[in-house]
C-alpha atoms as a PDB file:
ATOM      1  CA  MET A   1       1.526 -21.740   5.540  1.00  0.00           C
ATOM      2  CA  ILE A   2      -1.163 -20.096   3.464  1.00  0.00           C
ATOM      3  CA  ALA A   3      -4.139 -22.376   3.008  1.00  0.00           C
ATOM      4  CA  ARG A   4      -4.566 -23.701  -0.509  1.00  0.00           C
ATOM      5  CA  ALA A   5      -8.127 -24.938  -0.224  1.00  0.00           C
ATOM      6  CA  ARG A   6     -10.505 -23.509  -2.802  1.00  0.00           C
ATOM      7  CA  PRO A   7     -13.117 -21.362  -1.064  1.00  0.00           C
ATOM      8  CA  ALA A   8     -16.773 -22.297  -1.351  1.00  0.00           C
ATOM      9  CA  ALA A   9     -17.660 -18.821  -2.637  1.00  0.00           C
ATOM     10  CA  ALA A  10     -15.172 -18.945  -5.489  1.00  0.00           C
ATOM     11  CA  PHE A  11     -17.544 -20.752  -7.867  1.00  0.00           C
ATOM     12  CA  ALA A  12     -19.817 -17.694  -7.890  1.00  0.00           C
ATOM     13  CA  LEU A  13     -17.150 -15.480  -9.407  1.00  0.00           C
ATOM     14  CA  ARG A  14     -16.634 -16.888 -12.894  1.00  0.00           C
ATOM     15  CA  ARG A  15     -14.998 -13.689 -14.206  1.00  0.00           C
ATOM     16  CA  PRO A  16     -13.553 -12.115 -11.087  1.00  0.00           C
ATOM     17  CA  ILE A  17     -11.166  -9.535 -12.553  1.00  0.00           C
ATOM     18  CA  PRO A  18     -13.846  -7.630 -14.555  1.00  0.00           C
ATOM     19  CA  LEU A  19     -16.047  -7.594 -11.452  1.00  0.00           C
ATOM     20  CA  PHE A  20     -13.236  -6.225  -9.292  1.00  0.00           C
ATOM     21  CA  ALA A  21     -12.383  -3.691 -11.999  1.00  0.00           C
ATOM     22  CA  LEU A  22     -16.012  -2.527 -12.090  1.00  0.00           C
ATOM     23  CA  ALA A  23     -16.042  -2.181  -8.298  1.00  0.00           C
ATOM     24  CA  ALA A  24     -12.797  -0.186  -8.471  1.00  0.00           C
ATOM     25  CA  LEU A  25     -14.272   2.105 -11.145  1.00  0.00           C
ATOM     26  CA  LEU A  26     -17.374   2.731  -9.025  1.00  0.00           C
ATOM     27  CA  SER A  27     -15.178   3.560  -6.033  1.00  0.00           C
ATOM     28  CA  VAL A  28     -13.240   6.091  -8.128  1.00  0.00           C
ATOM     29  CA  VAL A  29     -16.507   7.698  -9.237  1.00  0.00           C
ATOM     30  CA  ALA A  30     -17.639   7.884  -5.620  1.00  0.00           C
ATOM     31  CA  GLY A  31     -14.307   9.354  -4.570  1.00  0.00           C
ATOM     32  CA  LEU A  32     -14.555  12.056  -7.231  1.00  0.00           C
ATOM     33  CA  CYS A  33     -18.137  12.983  -6.326  1.00  0.00           C
ATOM     34  CA  ILE A  34     -18.039  12.839  -2.508  1.00  0.00           C
ATOM     35  CA  GLY A  35     -16.592  15.621  -0.403  1.00  0.00           C
ATOM     36  CA  ALA A  36     -17.228  18.950   1.304  1.00  0.00           C
ATOM     37  CA  PHE A  37     -17.932  20.283  -2.208  1.00  0.00           C
ATOM     38  CA  PRO A  38     -20.252  17.657  -3.751  1.00  0.00           C
ATOM     39  CA  VAL A  39     -20.034  16.892  -7.461  1.00  0.00           C
ATOM     40  CA  SER A  40     -23.005  15.369  -9.242  1.00  0.00           C
ATOM     41  CA  PRO A  41     -22.618  12.411 -11.634  1.00  0.00           C
ATOM     42  CA  GLY A  42     -23.757  14.699 -14.476  1.00  0.00           C
ATOM     43  CA  GLN A  43     -20.998  17.182 -13.702  1.00  0.00           C
ATOM     44  CA  LEU A  44     -18.491  14.325 -13.583  1.00  0.00           C
ATOM     45  CA  LEU A  45     -19.631  13.135 -17.008  1.00  0.00           C
ATOM     46  CA  SER A  46     -19.186  16.675 -18.322  1.00  0.00           C
ATOM     47  CA  ALA A  47     -15.687  16.808 -16.859  1.00  0.00           C
ATOM     48  CA  VAL A  48     -14.627  13.694 -18.787  1.00  0.00           C
ATOM     49  CA  GLY A  49     -16.315  14.816 -21.996  1.00  0.00           C
ATOM     50  CA  LEU A  50     -19.254  12.395 -21.930  1.00  0.00           C
ATOM     51  CA  SER A  51     -21.942  15.020 -21.493  1.00  0.00           C
ATOM     52  CA  SER A  52     -22.726  18.391 -23.058  1.00  0.00           C
ATOM     53  CA  GLU A  53     -23.819  19.879 -19.708  1.00  0.00           C
ATOM     54  CA  PRO A  54     -21.709  22.992 -19.011  1.00  0.00           C
ATOM     55  CA  LEU A  55     -19.229  22.723 -16.148  1.00  0.00           C
ATOM     56  CA  ASP A  56     -18.746  25.789 -13.991  1.00  0.00           C
ATOM     57  CA  PRO A  57     -15.168  26.922 -13.233  1.00  0.00           C
ATOM     58  CA  THR A  58     -15.372  26.140  -9.501  1.00  0.00           C
ATOM     59  CA  THR A  59     -16.442  22.551 -10.061  1.00  0.00           C
ATOM     60  CA  ALA A  60     -13.801  22.128 -12.753  1.00  0.00           C
ATOM     61  CA  ALA A  61     -11.099  23.431 -10.402  1.00  0.00           C
ATOM     62  CA  VAL A  62     -12.224  21.104  -7.606  1.00  0.00           C
ATOM     63  CA  LEU A  63     -12.260  18.072  -9.898  1.00  0.00           C
ATOM     64  CA  TYR A  64      -9.094  18.650 -11.913  1.00  0.00           C
ATOM     65  CA  ALA A  65      -6.797  20.284  -9.349  1.00  0.00           C
ATOM     66  CA  ILE A  66      -7.921  18.753  -6.036  1.00  0.00           C
ATOM     67  CA  ARG A  67     -10.155  15.707  -6.283  1.00  0.00           C
ATOM     68  CA  ALA A  68      -8.603  13.899  -9.287  1.00  0.00           C
ATOM     69  CA  PRO A  69      -4.975  13.785  -8.043  1.00  0.00           C
ATOM     70  CA  ARG A  70      -5.903  12.603  -4.560  1.00  0.00           C
ATOM     71  CA  VAL A  71      -8.287   9.898  -5.839  1.00  0.00           C
ATOM     72  CA  LEU A  72      -5.648   8.673  -8.295  1.00  0.00           C
ATOM     73  CA  ALA A  73      -3.025   8.747  -5.542  1.00  0.00           C
ATOM     74  CA  ALA A  74      -5.280   6.865  -3.103  1.00  0.00           C
ATOM     75  CA  PHE A  75      -6.034   4.178  -5.678  1.00  0.00           C
ATOM     76  CA  ALA A  76      -2.357   3.779  -6.645  1.00  0.00           C
ATOM     77  CA  VAL A  77      -1.177   3.581  -3.032  1.00  0.00           C
ATOM     78  CA  GLY A  78      -3.911   1.113  -2.090  1.00  0.00           C
ATOM     79  CA  ALA A  79      -3.088  -1.076  -5.088  1.00  0.00           C
ATOM     80  CA  ALA A  80       0.627  -0.995  -4.230  1.00  0.00           C
ATOM     81  CA  LEU A  81       0.070  -1.915  -0.569  1.00  0.00           C
ATOM     82  CA  ALA A  82      -2.384  -4.712  -1.420  1.00  0.00           C
ATOM     83  CA  ALA A  83      -0.273  -6.252  -4.193  1.00  0.00           C
ATOM     84  CA  GLY A  84       2.833  -5.912  -2.020  1.00  0.00           C
ATOM     85  CA  GLY A  85       1.048  -7.564   0.885  1.00  0.00           C
ATOM     86  CA  ALA A  86      -0.068 -10.475  -1.297  1.00  0.00           C
ATOM     87  CA  ALA A  87       3.474 -10.959  -2.593  1.00  0.00           C
ATOM     88  CA  MET A  88       4.991 -10.807   0.905  1.00  0.00           C
ATOM     89  CA  GLN A  89       2.486 -13.292   2.293  1.00  0.00           C
ATOM     90  CA  SER A  90       3.504 -15.705  -0.443  1.00  0.00           C
ATOM     91  CA  LEU A  91       7.215 -14.988  -0.079  1.00  0.00           C
ATOM     92  CA  PHE A  92       7.175 -15.631   3.670  1.00  0.00           C
ATOM     93  CA  ARG A  93       4.424 -18.263   3.348  1.00  0.00           C
ATOM     94  CA  ASN A  94       2.739 -16.495   6.218  1.00  0.00           C
ATOM     95  CA  PRO A  95      -0.814 -15.073   5.968  1.00  0.00           C
ATOM     96  CA  LEU A  96       0.009 -12.499   8.666  1.00  0.00           C
ATOM     97  CA  ALA A  97       2.786 -10.858   6.650  1.00  0.00           C
ATOM     98  CA  ASP A  98       2.140  -7.234   5.751  1.00  0.00           C
ATOM     99  CA  PRO A  99       4.377  -4.352   4.652  1.00  0.00           C
ATOM    100  CA  GLY A 100       3.330  -2.413   7.763  1.00  0.00           C
ATOM    101  CA  LEU A 101       3.704  -5.225  10.288  1.00  0.00           C
ATOM    102  CA  LEU A 102       7.113  -6.206   8.923  1.00  0.00           C
ATOM    103  CA  GLY A 103       8.588  -2.719   9.084  1.00  0.00           C
ATOM    104  CA  VAL A 104       8.612  -1.905   5.372  1.00  0.00           C
ATOM    105  CA  SER A 105       6.257   1.063   5.711  1.00  0.00           C
ATOM    106  CA  SER A 106       7.918   2.408   8.845  1.00  0.00           C
ATOM    107  CA  GLY A 107      11.390   2.074   7.313  1.00  0.00           C
ATOM    108  CA  ALA A 108      10.205   3.939   4.239  1.00  0.00           C
ATOM    109  CA  ALA A 109       8.579   6.563   6.463  1.00  0.00           C
ATOM    110  CA  LEU A 110      11.778   7.107   8.476  1.00  0.00           C
ATOM    111  CA  ALA A 111      13.781   7.707   5.308  1.00  0.00           C
ATOM    112  CA  ALA A 112      11.134  10.056   3.954  1.00  0.00           C
ATOM    113  CA  VAL A 113      11.015  12.014   7.235  1.00  0.00           C
ATOM    114  CA  LEU A 114      14.795  12.333   7.060  1.00  0.00           C
ATOM    115  CA  VAL A 115      14.416  13.984   3.662  1.00  0.00           C
ATOM    116  CA  ILE A 116      11.662  16.311   4.898  1.00  0.00           C
ATOM    117  CA  VAL A 117      13.559  17.447   7.998  1.00  0.00           C
ATOM    118  CA  LEU A 118      17.179  17.335   6.843  1.00  0.00           C
ATOM    119  CA  GLY A 119      16.813  17.422   3.070  1.00  0.00           C
ATOM    120  CA  GLU A 120      17.234  21.183   2.822  1.00  0.00           C
ATOM    121  CA  LYS A 121      20.813  20.854   4.033  1.00  0.00           C
ATOM    122  CA  VAL A 122      21.761  18.690   1.021  1.00  0.00           C
ATOM    123  CA  MET A 123      19.183  19.879  -1.507  1.00  0.00           C
ATOM    124  CA  HIS A 124      21.614  22.357  -3.027  1.00  0.00           C
ATOM    125  CA  ILE A 125      23.890  19.549  -4.205  1.00  0.00           C
ATOM    126  CA  VAL A 126      21.041  17.621  -5.872  1.00  0.00           C
ATOM    127  CA  PRO A 127      20.346  18.557  -9.514  1.00  0.00           C
ATOM    128  CA  ALA A 128      17.058  20.411  -9.921  1.00  0.00           C
ATOM    129  CA  ASP A 129      15.631  17.740 -12.241  1.00  0.00           C
ATOM    130  CA  LEU A 130      16.226  15.029  -9.619  1.00  0.00           C
ATOM    131  CA  ARG A 131      14.802  16.837  -6.582  1.00  0.00           C
ATOM    132  CA  PRO A 132      11.203  15.594  -7.084  1.00  0.00           C
ATOM    133  CA  TRP A 133      12.590  12.023  -7.053  1.00  0.00           C
ATOM    134  CA  LEU A 134      14.510  12.417  -3.795  1.00  0.00           C
ATOM    135  CA  LEU A 135      11.583  11.621  -1.488  1.00  0.00           C
ATOM    136  CA  PRO A 136      10.333   8.447  -3.278  1.00  0.00           C
ATOM    137  CA  LEU A 137      13.931   7.239  -3.738  1.00  0.00           C
ATOM    138  CA  ALA A 138      14.692   7.699  -0.040  1.00  0.00           C
ATOM    139  CA  ALA A 139      11.440   5.948   0.936  1.00  0.00           C
ATOM    140  CA  PHE A 140      12.282   3.038  -1.366  1.00  0.00           C
ATOM    141  CA  LEU A 141      15.751   2.614   0.149  1.00  0.00           C
ATOM    142  CA  GLY A 142      14.342   2.813   3.677  1.00  0.00           C
ATOM    143  CA  GLY A 143      11.692   0.185   2.935  1.00  0.00           C
ATOM    144  CA  LEU A 144      14.247  -2.061   1.221  1.00  0.00           C
ATOM    145  CA  CYS A 145      16.666  -1.903   4.162  1.00  0.00           C
ATOM    146  CA  SER A 146      13.892  -2.715   6.654  1.00  0.00           C
ATOM    147  CA  THR A 147      12.701  -5.678   4.583  1.00  0.00           C
ATOM    148  CA  VAL A 148      16.178  -7.121   4.234  1.00  0.00           C
ATOM    149  CA  VAL A 149      16.894  -6.782   7.969  1.00  0.00           C
ATOM    150  CA  VAL A 150      13.616  -8.440   8.981  1.00  0.00           C
ATOM    151  CA  TYR A 151      14.080 -11.298   6.517  1.00  0.00           C
ATOM    152  CA  ARG A 152      17.694 -11.909   7.564  1.00  0.00           C
ATOM    153  CA  ILE A 153      16.702 -12.074  11.218  1.00  0.00           C
ATOM    154  CA  ALA A 154      13.762 -14.429  10.617  1.00  0.00           C
ATOM    155  CA  ALA A 155      15.356 -16.752   8.052  1.00  0.00           C
ATOM    156  CA  ARG A 156      16.456 -20.179   9.246  1.00  0.00           C
ATOM    157  CA  ASN A 157      17.518 -22.786   6.693  1.00  0.00           C
ATOM    158  CA  GLY A 158      15.788 -20.820   3.955  1.00  0.00           C
ATOM    159  CA  MET A 159      12.502 -20.571   5.888  1.00  0.00           C
ATOM    160  CA  ALA A 160      11.107 -17.437   7.507  1.00  0.00           C
ATOM    161  CA  LEU A 161       9.985 -18.367  11.029  1.00  0.00           C
ATOM    162  CA  VAL A 162       6.564 -16.888  11.774  1.00  0.00           C
ATOM    163  CA  GLY A 163       7.190 -15.859  15.369  1.00  0.00           C
ATOM    164  CA  THR A 164      10.619 -14.405  14.667  1.00  0.00           C
ATOM    165  CA  LEU A 165       9.260 -12.626  11.610  1.00  0.00           C
ATOM    166  CA  LEU A 166       6.591 -10.770  13.552  1.00  0.00           C
ATOM    167  CA  LEU A 167       8.923  -9.998  16.473  1.00  0.00           C
ATOM    168  CA  ALA A 168      11.561  -8.642  14.098  1.00  0.00           C
ATOM    169  CA  GLY A 169       8.917  -6.480  12.431  1.00  0.00           C
ATOM    170  CA  ILE A 170       7.795  -5.158  15.815  1.00  0.00           C
ATOM    171  CA  ALA A 171      11.414  -4.337  16.720  1.00  0.00           C
ATOM    172  CA  ILE A 172      12.006  -2.524  13.411  1.00  0.00           C
ATOM    173  CA  ASN A 173       8.766  -0.585  13.845  1.00  0.00           C
ATOM    174  CA  ALA A 174       9.841   0.447  17.346  1.00  0.00           C
ATOM    175  CA  LEU A 175      13.289   1.567  16.186  1.00  0.00           C
ATOM    176  CA  THR A 176      11.965   3.540  13.242  1.00  0.00           C
ATOM    177  CA  SER A 177       9.264   5.114  15.421  1.00  0.00           C
ATOM    178  CA  ALA A 178      11.997   6.261  17.791  1.00  0.00           C
ATOM    179  CA  GLY A 179      13.932   7.719  14.867  1.00  0.00           C
ATOM    180  CA  ILE A 180      10.854   9.508  13.557  1.00  0.00           C
ATOM    181  CA  GLY A 181      10.161  10.839  17.050  1.00  0.00           C
ATOM    182  CA  LEU A 182      13.688  12.221  17.283  1.00  0.00           C
ATOM    183  CA  LEU A 183      13.336  13.945  13.917  1.00  0.00           C
ATOM    184  CA  VAL A 184       9.973  15.381  14.950  1.00  0.00           C
ATOM    185  CA  PHE A 185      11.687  16.783  18.055  1.00  0.00           C
ATOM    186  CA  VAL A 186      14.322  18.625  16.003  1.00  0.00           C
ATOM    187  CA  ALA A 187      11.929  19.775  13.249  1.00  0.00           C
ATOM    188  CA  ASP A 188      10.901  23.407  13.007  1.00  0.00           C
ATOM    189  CA  ASP A 189       7.285  24.530  13.269  1.00  0.00           C
ATOM    190  CA  GLN A 190       6.560  24.332   9.550  1.00  0.00           C
ATOM    191  CA  GLN A 191       8.095  20.857   9.236  1.00  0.00           C
ATOM    192  CA  LEU A 192       6.321  19.735  12.398  1.00  0.00           C
ATOM    193  CA  ARG A 193       2.882  20.575  11.032  1.00  0.00           C
ATOM    194  CA  THR A 194       3.682  18.601   7.912  1.00  0.00           C
ATOM    195  CA  LEU A 195       5.114  15.611   9.758  1.00  0.00           C
ATOM    196  CA  ILE A 196       2.369  15.183  12.349  1.00  0.00           C
ATOM    197  CA  PHE A 197      -0.299  14.726   9.679  1.00  0.00           C
ATOM    198  CA  TRP A 198       2.012  12.924   7.265  1.00  0.00           C
ATOM    199  CA  THR A 199       3.042  10.220   9.762  1.00  0.00           C
ATOM    200  CA  MET A 200      -0.644   9.392  10.334  1.00  0.00           C
ATOM    201  CA  GLY A 201      -1.308   9.064   6.614  1.00  0.00           C
ATOM    202  CA  GLY A 202      -3.375  11.227   4.336  1.00  0.00           C
ATOM    203  CA  PHE A 203      -3.846  12.670   0.872  1.00  0.00           C
ATOM    204  CA  GLY A 204      -4.690  16.242   1.857  1.00  0.00           C
ATOM    205  CA  ALA A 205      -1.448  17.694   0.483  1.00  0.00           C
ATOM    206  CA  VAL A 206      -1.522  15.776  -2.795  1.00  0.00           C
ATOM    207  CA  THR A 207      -0.926  17.778  -5.989  1.00  0.00           C
ATOM    208  CA  TRP A 208      -0.074  16.692  -9.504  1.00  0.00           C
ATOM    209  CA  THR A 209       3.443  18.075  -9.210  1.00  0.00           C
ATOM    210  CA  ALA A 210       4.117  16.361  -5.891  1.00  0.00           C
ATOM    211  CA  ILE A 211       2.859  12.893  -6.826  1.00  0.00           C
ATOM    212  CA  LEU A 212       3.894  12.418 -10.460  1.00  0.00           C
ATOM    213  CA  PRO A 213       7.369  10.954  -9.713  1.00  0.00           C
ATOM    214  CA  ALA A 214       5.974   8.479  -7.179  1.00  0.00           C
ATOM    215  CA  LEU A 215       3.043   7.591  -9.465  1.00  0.00           C
ATOM    216  CA  LEU A 216       5.491   6.797 -12.237  1.00  0.00           C
ATOM    217  CA  VAL A 217       7.391   4.489  -9.890  1.00  0.00           C
ATOM    218  CA  LEU A 218       4.142   2.783  -8.875  1.00  0.00           C
ATOM    219  CA  ALA A 219       3.077   2.406 -12.501  1.00  0.00           C
ATOM    220  CA  ILE A 220       6.282   0.454 -13.103  1.00  0.00           C
ATOM    221  CA  SER A 221       6.652  -1.513  -9.875  1.00  0.00           C
ATOM    222  CA  VAL A 222       3.114  -2.804  -9.267  1.00  0.00           C
ATOM    223  CA  PRO A 223       2.379  -4.330 -12.719  1.00  0.00           C
ATOM    224  CA  THR A 224       5.800  -6.016 -12.758  1.00  0.00           C
ATOM    225  CA  LEU A 225       4.656  -8.182  -9.833  1.00  0.00           C
ATOM    226  CA  LEU A 226       2.044  -9.865 -12.043  1.00  0.00           C
ATOM    227  CA  PRO A 227       4.436 -11.960 -14.204  1.00  0.00           C
ATOM    228  CA  ALA A 228       5.672 -13.645 -11.023  1.00  0.00           C
ATOM    229  CA  ALA A 229       2.234 -15.199 -10.371  1.00  0.00           C
ATOM    230  CA  HIS A 230       3.130 -18.717 -11.516  1.00  0.00           C
ATOM    231  CA  LEU A 231       6.401 -18.562  -9.565  1.00  0.00           C
ATOM    232  CA  LEU A 232       4.529 -17.613  -6.402  1.00  0.00           C
ATOM    233  CA  ASP A 233       2.118 -20.516  -6.968  1.00  0.00           C
ATOM    234  CA  ALA A 234       5.103 -22.847  -7.085  1.00  0.00           C
ATOM    235  CA  LEU A 235       6.657 -21.225  -4.017  1.00  0.00           C
ATOM    236  CA  ALA A 236       3.465 -21.856  -2.033  1.00  0.00           C
ATOM    237  CA  LEU A 237       4.233 -25.587  -2.256  1.00  0.00           C
ATOM    238  CA  GLY A 238       7.575 -25.071  -0.498  1.00  0.00           C
ATOM    239  CA  GLU A 239      10.987 -23.809  -1.484  1.00  0.00           C
ATOM    240  CA  ARG A 240      12.377 -27.284  -2.195  1.00  0.00           C
ATOM    241  CA  GLU A 241       9.389 -28.214  -4.347  1.00  0.00           C
ATOM    242  CA  ALA A 242       9.619 -24.901  -6.201  1.00  0.00           C
ATOM    243  CA  GLY A 243      13.297 -25.544  -6.893  1.00  0.00           C
ATOM    244  CA  HIS A 244      12.452 -28.973  -8.309  1.00  0.00           C
ATOM    245  CA  VAL A 245      10.168 -27.411 -10.926  1.00  0.00           C
ATOM    246  CA  GLY A 246      12.833 -24.948 -12.036  1.00  0.00           C
ATOM    247  CA  VAL A 247      12.199 -21.872  -9.873  1.00  0.00           C
ATOM    248  CA  ASP A 248      15.323 -19.967  -8.843  1.00  0.00           C
ATOM    249  CA  VAL A 249      14.038 -19.382  -5.317  1.00  0.00           C
ATOM    250  CA  GLU A 250      16.776 -17.077  -4.069  1.00  0.00           C
ATOM    251  CA  ARG A 251      16.593 -14.897  -7.161  1.00  0.00           C
ATOM    252  CA  LEU A 252      12.803 -14.741  -6.800  1.00  0.00           C
ATOM    253  CA  LYS A 253      13.163 -13.652  -3.154  1.00  0.00           C
ATOM    254  CA  ARG A 254      15.561 -10.847  -4.027  1.00  0.00           C
ATOM    255  CA  ARG A 255      13.336  -9.702  -6.871  1.00  0.00           C
ATOM    256  CA  LEU A 256      10.170  -9.647  -4.779  1.00  0.00           C
ATOM    257  CA  VAL A 257      11.852  -7.888  -1.863  1.00  0.00           C
ATOM    258  CA  ALA A 258      13.105  -5.137  -4.177  1.00  0.00           C
ATOM    259  CA  GLN A 259       9.783  -4.767  -6.004  1.00  0.00           C
ATOM    260  CA  VAL A 260       7.690  -4.627  -2.828  1.00  0.00           C
ATOM    261  CA  ALA A 261      10.083  -2.149  -1.222  1.00  0.00           C
ATOM    262  CA  LEU A 262       9.953   0.020  -4.338  1.00  0.00           C
ATOM    263  CA  ALA A 263       6.151  -0.022  -4.501  1.00  0.00           C
ATOM    264  CA  VAL A 264       5.601   0.519  -0.781  1.00  0.00           C
ATOM    265  CA  GLY A 265       8.320   3.173  -0.603  1.00  0.00           C
ATOM    266  CA  ALA A 266       6.744   5.140  -3.436  1.00  0.00           C
ATOM    267  CA  GLY A 267       3.339   4.799  -1.766  1.00  0.00           C
ATOM    268  CA  VAL A 268       4.660   6.039   1.568  1.00  0.00           C
ATOM    269  CA  ALA A 269       6.268   8.992  -0.217  1.00  0.00           C
ATOM    270  CA  ILE A 270       2.766  10.031  -1.365  1.00  0.00           C
ATOM    271  CA  SER A 271       0.561   9.283   1.636  1.00  0.00           C
ATOM    272  CA  GLY A 272       2.738   8.635   4.665  1.00  0.00           C
ATOM    273  CA  ILE A 273       2.067   5.575   6.795  1.00  0.00           C
ATOM    274  CA  VAL A 274      -1.188   3.793   5.925  1.00  0.00           C
ATOM    275  CA  GLY A 275      -1.424   0.502   7.755  1.00  0.00           C
ATOM    276  CA  PHE A 276      -3.243  -2.802   7.304  1.00  0.00           C
ATOM    277  CA  VAL A 277      -4.295  -2.397   3.649  1.00  0.00           C
ATOM    278  CA  GLY A 278      -1.669  -4.963   2.657  1.00  0.00           C
ATOM    279  CA  LEU A 279      -3.093  -7.367   5.232  1.00  0.00           C
ATOM    280  CA  ILE A 280      -6.829  -6.929   4.690  1.00  0.00           C
ATOM    281  CA  ALA A 281      -7.071  -6.860   0.890  1.00  0.00           C
ATOM    282  CA  PRO A 282      -5.139 -10.090   0.078  1.00  0.00           C
ATOM    283  CA  HIS A 283      -7.015 -12.012   2.785  1.00  0.00           C
ATOM    284  CA  ILE A 284     -10.465 -10.994   1.601  1.00  0.00           C
ATOM    285  CA  VAL A 285      -9.585 -11.656  -2.031  1.00  0.00           C
ATOM    286  CA  ARG A 286      -8.064 -15.031  -1.159  1.00  0.00           C
ATOM    287  CA  LEU A 287     -11.244 -16.004   0.677  1.00  0.00           C
ATOM    288  CA  LEU A 288     -13.316 -15.064  -2.381  1.00  0.00           C
ATOM    289  CA  LEU A 289     -11.138 -16.330  -5.223  1.00  0.00           C
ATOM    290  CA  GLY A 290      -8.738 -18.891  -3.828  1.00  0.00           C
ATOM    291  CA  PRO A 291      -4.929 -18.902  -3.713  1.00  0.00           C
ATOM    292  CA  SER A 292      -4.034 -18.731  -7.424  1.00  0.00           C
ATOM    293  CA  HIS A 293      -1.804 -15.687  -7.818  1.00  0.00           C
ATOM    294  CA  ARG A 294      -2.863 -15.216 -11.441  1.00  0.00           C
ATOM    295  CA  THR A 295      -6.141 -13.826 -10.089  1.00  0.00           C
ATOM    296  CA  LEU A 296      -5.062 -12.993  -6.535  1.00  0.00           C
ATOM    297  CA  LEU A 297      -2.472 -10.335  -7.417  1.00  0.00           C
ATOM    298  CA  PRO A 298      -4.554  -8.199  -9.830  1.00  0.00           C
ATOM    299  CA  ALA A 299      -7.747  -8.639  -7.797  1.00  0.00           C
ATOM    300  CA  ALA A 300      -5.966  -7.679  -4.559  1.00  0.00           C
ATOM    301  CA  ALA A 301      -4.517  -4.587  -6.259  1.00  0.00           C
ATOM    302  CA  LEU A 302      -7.972  -3.538  -7.495  1.00  0.00           C
ATOM    303  CA  PHE A 303      -9.566  -4.250  -4.117  1.00  0.00           C
ATOM    304  CA  GLY A 304      -6.847  -2.389  -2.216  1.00  0.00           C
ATOM    305  CA  GLY A 305      -7.131   0.618  -4.500  1.00  0.00           C
ATOM    306  CA  ALA A 306     -10.911   0.738  -4.179  1.00  0.00           C
ATOM    307  CA  PHE A 307     -10.710   0.290  -0.404  1.00  0.00           C
ATOM    308  CA  LEU A 308      -8.311   3.199   0.068  1.00  0.00           C
ATOM    309  CA  VAL A 309     -10.293   5.488  -2.271  1.00  0.00           C
ATOM    310  CA  LEU A 310     -13.451   4.864  -0.232  1.00  0.00           C
ATOM    311  CA  ALA A 311     -11.530   5.266   3.047  1.00  0.00           C
ATOM    312  CA  ASP A 312     -10.215   8.611   1.810  1.00  0.00           C
ATOM    313  CA  ALA A 313     -13.742   9.718   0.876  1.00  0.00           C
ATOM    314  CA  LEU A 314     -14.950   8.696   4.342  1.00  0.00           C
ATOM    315  CA  ALA A 315     -12.074  10.583   5.980  1.00  0.00           C
ATOM    316  CA  ARG A 316     -13.195  13.723   4.156  1.00  0.00           C
ATOM    317  CA  MET A 317     -16.834  13.308   5.228  1.00  0.00           C
ATOM    318  CA  LEU A 318     -16.640  12.343   8.903  1.00  0.00           C
ATOM    319  CA  VAL A 319     -15.246  15.625  10.251  1.00  0.00           C
ATOM    320  CA  SER A 320     -15.990  17.925   7.295  1.00  0.00           C
ATOM    321  CA  PRO A 321     -14.738  20.550   6.554  1.00  0.00           C
ATOM    322  CA  ALA A 322     -11.681  19.179   8.371  1.00  0.00           C
ATOM    323  CA  GLU A 323     -10.067  15.887   7.377  1.00  0.00           C
ATOM    324  CA  LEU A 324      -9.429  12.766   9.448  1.00  0.00           C
ATOM    325  CA  PRO A 325      -6.021  11.106   8.900  1.00  0.00           C
ATOM    326  CA  ILE A 326      -6.634   8.064   6.741  1.00  0.00           C
ATOM    327  CA  GLY A 327      -4.202   5.960   8.763  1.00  0.00           C
ATOM    328  CA  VAL A 328      -6.612   6.265  11.703  1.00  0.00           C
ATOM    329  CA  LEU A 329      -9.457   4.770   9.654  1.00  0.00           C
ATOM    330  CA  THR A 330      -7.422   1.892   8.261  1.00  0.00           C
ATOM    331  CA  ALA A 331      -6.132   1.096  11.762  1.00  0.00           C
ATOM    332  CA  LEU A 332      -9.682   1.062  13.146  1.00  0.00           C
ATOM    333  CA  VAL A 333     -10.602  -1.514  10.497  1.00  0.00           C
ATOM    334  CA  GLY A 334      -7.308  -3.396  10.319  1.00  0.00           C
ATOM    335  CA  GLY A 335      -6.628  -3.736  14.048  1.00  0.00           C
ATOM    336  CA  PRO A 336      -9.712  -5.853  14.811  1.00  0.00           C
ATOM    337  CA  PHE A 337      -9.197  -7.761  11.555  1.00  0.00           C
ATOM    338  CA  PHE A 338      -5.630  -8.646  12.595  1.00  0.00           C
ATOM    339  CA  LEU A 339      -6.802  -9.735  16.062  1.00  0.00           C
ATOM    340  CA  TRP A 340      -9.422 -11.929  14.413  1.00  0.00           C
ATOM    341  CA  LEU A 341      -6.734 -13.566  12.269  1.00  0.00           C
ATOM    342  CA  LEU A 342      -4.528 -14.158  15.311  1.00  0.00           C
ATOM    343  CA  ALA A 343      -7.442 -15.632  17.270  1.00  0.00           C
ATOM    344  CA  GLY A 344      -8.322 -17.970  14.402  1.00  0.00           C
ATOM    345  CA  ARG A 345      -4.700 -19.048  14.036  1.00  0.00           C
ATOM    346  CA  ALA A 346      -4.390 -19.710  17.776  1.00  0.00           C
ATOM    347  CA  ALA A 347      -7.589 -21.767  17.732  1.00  0.00           C
ATOM    348  CA  ARG A 348      -6.349 -23.879  14.811  1.00  0.00           C
ATOM    349  CA  GLU A 349      -2.925 -24.469  16.376  1.00  0.00           C
ATOM    350  CA  GLY A 350      -4.546 -25.386  19.699  1.00  0.00           C
ATOM    351  CA  MET A 351      -6.614 -28.159  18.105  1.00  0.00           C
END
């Protein structure tokens, strides 16, 4: 179960949400300024109308058409993965739960790859107004199916067994990876170039037109997790105890599964597979602020968004003018972090 002890550092953060919001704002500013084409803070102020300094057309094009959509997309995807990870950790009462580890991201990715590779064969029967929604809708359904399968396998007497949960997630990840590999095999050259980078995660192909449907889904799905904060606090005490205080536990489970699948599916539709954000962000925030979901959910969303914006900026800088897949960076950070969590858990259980 997730520890409920109040961390020693929590007393130092009297107003945590404004501090996290300020950090998120600074990360967005950094993401807009950093890149192969640097933008000065003065030029950024001119772009948002806070300075009278003239803005040249090249800088304006870089900011408005390239940098702004990818920074907004990175922040939205990071917030969705972090908030979804926090909700799943509470739902399963398992601090190792994560949309990526439990197959949600890979299930969403498989469905999205299906649309990319085979979508042209059915695109003619889809109304033109609905075609931009096809990819995020498919990713949502894929993530939802994966979540339901993993939970059904791991559930015993209303409790999700930790070992079975992780093993089921590994199995789902393996199956979906095989499916993605098969689709990559049958893809043509143009689709293959898209899929290879897309399955490793990245925001290089982000445009306003491509991301607006998924951003709208994220704008709806992520904030709607916040009203469930007090219910998640009750659920942390145990399902029976939560039921005694009036929580409809089964309804809450179904609601959270659908909301997390919707948020993660929309995020995967934008960026592809980006792992470990939903594991790292909730853990760090919980260590700083404690387990109360009233602060944990919004702070984790802000932290996850800021983290992914900075990771995207780093991916653009490391191999400039090329671009490193962002999933590689998050895996380099998240893999050791996950091993550290497993080692700490093994040490505690061995005591």
